[in-house]
């Protein structure tokens, strides 16, 4: 009985671990896709000029990247709770570089909007575009690194997860046979039978 309880507990822990791993993987995939999309938005903005490329529009992208960083922080917490955390290939240094490029682009756009000289406006716009493009490229690299790391982690854990699932399924099949035998036993006796209480306890 003690061994059976131990196996049941182990199965529950394995199911919980698989569920947590699934959650972390799916959240990482979502962040990676959003980062890739944000890189495209930043790239597109770098190609625009005048009223289409403003400080306000850049600030919106800055905010989106900050939100992604918060999601990555939450993901790190969940990932570290796993028995074997996934390698998510996160680089804080790259993130700081992106934030710096975005902020510098915002500052350049602000100076461009405040400038009275057309030449200065043009120069500040050009500078902002270069920084926007750099930020977009770094986001793309970051997204690809995450994607590659997840693929590698996924391949490594496939065998482990398969073994876990196989064991859970084996135990589930055995459990279903036990349950079936018990229910058939109930059909053969009524509640006045001495063995009824034992079977009821077993069912519980």
Protein backbone atom coordinates (compact mmCIF):
# COMPACT_ATOMS: atom_id res chain seq x y z
CA UNK A 1 0.00 0.00 0.00
CA UNK A 2 2.86 2.35 0.86
CA UNK A 3 4.55 1.56 -2.46
CA UNK A 4 1.30 2.17 -4.34
CA UNK A 5 0.79 5.55 -2.64
CA UNK A 6 4.38 6.47 -3.45
CA UNK A 7 3.83 5.59 -7.13
CA UNK A 8 0.61 7.62 -7.22
CA UNK A 9 2.39 10.62 -5.72
CA UNK A 10 5.23 10.25 -8.22
CA UNK A 11 2.75 10.12 -11.11
CA UNK A 12 1.02 13.29 -9.92
CA UNK A 13 4.39 15.05 -9.61
CA UNK A 14 5.31 13.95 -13.12
CA UNK A 15 2.01 15.19 -14.54
CA UNK A 16 2.49 18.52 -12.73
CA UNK A 17 6.05 18.83 -14.07
CA UNK A 18 4.90 18.10 -17.62
CA UNK A 19 2.12 20.69 -17.29
CA UNK A 20 4.53 23.33 -16.00
CA UNK A 21 7.02 22.54 -18.77
CA UNK A 22 4.24 22.84 -21.37
CA UNK A 23 3.20 26.22 -19.93
CA UNK A 24 6.79 27.54 -20.00
CA UNK A 25 7.33 26.30 -23.58
CA UNK A 26 4.13 27.87 -24.89
CA UNK A 27 4.78 31.17 -23.12
CA UNK A 28 8.33 31.26 -24.52
CA UNK A 29 6.99 30.62 -28.03
CA UNK A 30 4.47 33.45 -27.62
CA UNK A 31 7.17 35.90 -26.47
CA UNK A 32 9.45 34.84 -29.33
CA UNK A 33 6.68 35.49 -31.89
CA UNK A 34 5.81 38.87 -30.35
CA UNK A 35 9.50 39.85 -30.35
CA UNK A 36 9.75 38.91 -34.02
CA UNK A 37 6.64 41.00 -34.78
CA UNK A 38 8.01 43.96 -32.81
CA UNK A 39 11.28 43.74 -34.78
CA UNK A 40 9.24 44.07 -38.00
CA UNK A 41 7.35 47.08 -36.62
CA UNK A 42 10.63 48.73 -35.61
CA UNK A 43 12.14 48.01 -39.03
CA UNK A 44 9.09 49.47 -40.81
CA UNK A 45 9.21 52.62 -38.67
CA UNK A 46 12.89 53.13 -39.54
CA UNK A 47 11.92 53.34 -43.23
CA UNK A 48 9.39 56.14 -42.67
CA UNK A 49 9.98 59.89 -42.55
CA UNK A 50 8.36 63.09 -41.32
CA UNK A 51 5.00 62.78 -39.60
CA UNK A 52 5.02 59.00 -40.08
CA UNK A 53 8.14 58.58 -37.93
CA UNK A 54 7.62 60.51 -34.71
CA UNK A 55 8.79 60.48 -31.11
CA UNK A 56 5.32 59.29 -29.99
CA UNK A 57 5.35 56.31 -32.38
CA UNK A 58 8.82 55.32 -31.22
CA UNK A 59 7.76 55.59 -27.60
CA UNK A 60 4.93 53.13 -28.32
CA UNK A 61 7.49 50.59 -29.54
CA UNK A 62 9.69 51.30 -26.51
CA UNK A 63 6.72 50.49 -24.27
CA UNK A 64 6.02 47.27 -26.17
CA UNK A 65 9.59 46.10 -25.67
CA UNK A 66 9.44 46.92 -21.94
CA UNK A 67 6.23 44.87 -21.69
CA UNK A 68 8.00 41.95 -23.38
CA UNK A 69 10.83 42.25 -20.86
CA UNK A 70 8.30 41.96 -18.02
CA UNK A 71 6.86 38.85 -19.65
CA UNK A 72 10.38 37.42 -19.93
CA UNK A 73 10.98 38.10 -16.22
CA UNK A 74 7.79 36.17 -15.39
CA UNK A 75 8.86 33.39 -17.75
CA UNK A 76 12.25 33.14 -16.03
CA UNK A 77 10.51 32.70 -12.66
CA UNK A 78 8.28 29.90 -13.99
CA UNK A 79 11.18 28.25 -15.81
CA UNK A 80 13.39 28.24 -12.70
CA UNK A 81 10.66 26.35 -10.81
CA UNK A 82 11.08 23.39 -13.17
CA UNK A 83 13.22 20.48 -12.01
CA UNK A 84 15.21 20.83 -15.22
CA UNK A 85 14.82 24.43 -16.47
CA UNK A 86 14.81 25.03 -20.22
CA UNK A 87 17.63 26.99 -21.83
CA UNK A 88 15.79 30.10 -23.05
CA UNK A 89 18.95 31.88 -24.28
CA UNK A 90 18.15 35.23 -22.70
CA UNK A 91 20.76 37.99 -22.92
CA UNK A 92 20.21 40.94 -20.58
CA UNK A 93 23.07 42.74 -22.33
CA UNK A 94 21.28 42.56 -25.70
CA UNK A 95 18.07 43.78 -24.09
CA UNK A 96 19.85 46.80 -22.61
CA UNK A 97 21.42 47.53 -26.01
CA UNK A 98 17.97 47.48 -27.65
CA UNK A 99 16.52 49.78 -24.99
CA UNK A 100 19.46 52.17 -25.43
CA UNK A 101 19.08 52.25 -29.24
CA UNK A 102 15.34 52.86 -28.89
CA UNK A 103 15.82 55.65 -26.34
CA UNK A 104 18.52 57.31 -28.47
CA UNK A 105 16.18 57.15 -31.47
CA UNK A 106 13.42 58.74 -29.36
CA UNK A 107 15.79 61.56 -28.30
CA UNK A 108 16.86 62.17 -31.91
CA UNK A 109 13.24 62.34 -33.07
CA UNK A 110 12.43 64.80 -30.28
CA UNK A 111 15.34 67.03 -31.32
CA UNK A 112 14.24 66.78 -34.94
CA UNK A 113 10.71 67.91 -34.06
CA UNK A 114 12.02 70.83 -31.98
CA UNK A 115 14.64 71.95 -34.50
CA UNK A 116 14.02 75.09 -36.57
CA UNK A 117 16.63 74.20 -39.18
CA UNK A 118 15.63 71.84 -42.00
CA UNK A 119 19.18 70.54 -42.20
CA UNK A 120 19.25 69.70 -38.49
CA UNK A 121 15.84 68.04 -38.77
CA UNK A 122 17.10 65.90 -41.61
CA UNK A 123 20.28 64.94 -39.74
CA UNK A 124 18.41 64.01 -36.55
CA UNK A 125 15.88 61.97 -38.56
CA UNK A 126 18.72 60.14 -40.31
CA UNK A 127 20.40 59.41 -36.97
CA UNK A 128 17.11 58.17 -35.49
CA UNK A 129 16.52 55.85 -38.44
CA UNK A 130 19.95 54.26 -38.05
CA UNK A 131 19.30 53.59 -34.37
CA UNK A 132 15.81 52.26 -35.08
CA UNK A 133 17.27 49.88 -37.66
CA UNK A 134 19.95 48.68 -35.21
CA UNK A 135 17.29 48.06 -32.55
CA UNK A 136 15.20 46.07 -35.06
CA UNK A 137 18.20 43.93 -36.10
CA UNK A 138 19.06 43.16 -32.48
CA UNK A 139 15.45 42.17 -31.79
CA UNK A 140 15.51 39.83 -34.79
CA UNK A 141 18.73 38.20 -33.56
CA UNK A 142 17.28 37.87 -30.08
CA UNK A 143 14.10 36.25 -31.45
CA UNK A 144 16.11 33.76 -33.56
CA UNK A 145 18.34 32.87 -30.57
CA UNK A 146 15.25 32.13 -28.48
CA UNK A 147 13.76 30.01 -31.26
CA UNK A 148 16.98 27.99 -31.71
CA UNK A 149 17.40 27.48 -27.95
CA UNK A 150 13.79 26.26 -27.58
CA UNK A 151 14.19 23.82 -30.46
CA UNK A 152 17.33 22.36 -28.88
CA UNK A 153 15.71 22.16 -25.43
CA UNK A 154 12.66 20.56 -26.97
CA UNK A 155 14.69 17.86 -28.70
CA UNK A 156 16.57 17.05 -25.48
CA UNK A 157 13.39 16.73 -23.43
CA UNK A 158 11.34 14.72 -25.95
CA UNK A 159 12.81 11.39 -24.82
CA UNK A 160 12.41 12.25 -21.11
CA UNK A 161 8.81 13.39 -21.59
CA UNK A 162 8.00 10.30 -23.65
CA UNK A 163 9.33 8.03 -20.88
CA UNK A 164 7.29 9.92 -18.29
CA UNK A 165 4.12 9.72 -20.36
CA UNK A 166 4.69 6.03 -21.07
CA UNK A 167 4.93 5.28 -17.35
CA UNK A 168 1.83 7.35 -16.58
CA UNK A 169 -0.15 5.60 -19.33
CA UNK A 170 1.00 2.15 -18.17
CA UNK A 171 -0.16 2.93 -14.64
CA UNK A 172 -3.43 4.39 -15.90
CA UNK A 173 -4.19 1.20 -17.85
CA UNK A 174 -3.46 -0.98 -14.80
CA UNK A 175 -5.59 1.33 -12.66
CA UNK A 176 -8.51 1.07 -15.12
CA UNK A 177 -8.38 -2.76 -14.97
CA UNK A 178 -8.41 -2.63 -11.15
CA UNK A 179 -11.42 -0.31 -11.27
CA UNK A 180 -13.25 -2.56 -13.73
CA UNK A 181 -12.67 -5.65 -11.56
CA UNK A 182 -13.92 -3.79 -8.51
CA UNK A 183 -17.11 -2.62 -10.26
CA UNK A 184 -17.79 -6.16 -11.48
CA UNK A 185 -17.34 -7.33 -7.87
CA UNK A 186 -20.00 -4.86 -6.72
CA UNK A 187 -22.47 -6.33 -9.24
CA UNK A 188 -22.13 -9.77 -7.71
CA UNK A 189 -22.89 -8.81 -4.09
CA UNK A 190 -25.38 -6.62 -2.22
CA UNK A 191 -24.77 -4.23 0.65
CA UNK A 192 -25.56 -6.89 3.24
CA UNK A 193 -22.59 -8.98 2.13
CA UNK A 194 -19.60 -8.98 4.51
CA UNK A 195 -17.23 -8.12 1.64
CA UNK A 196 -19.23 -5.05 0.60
CA UNK A 197 -17.57 -2.73 3.16
CA UNK A 198 -14.11 -3.87 2.09
CA UNK A 199 -14.90 -3.20 -1.55
CA UNK A 200 -16.35 0.23 -0.65
CA UNK A 201 -13.13 1.07 1.18
CA UNK A 202 -11.12 -0.12 -1.81
CA UNK A 203 -13.24 2.06 -4.13
CA UNK A 204 -12.59 5.09 -1.92
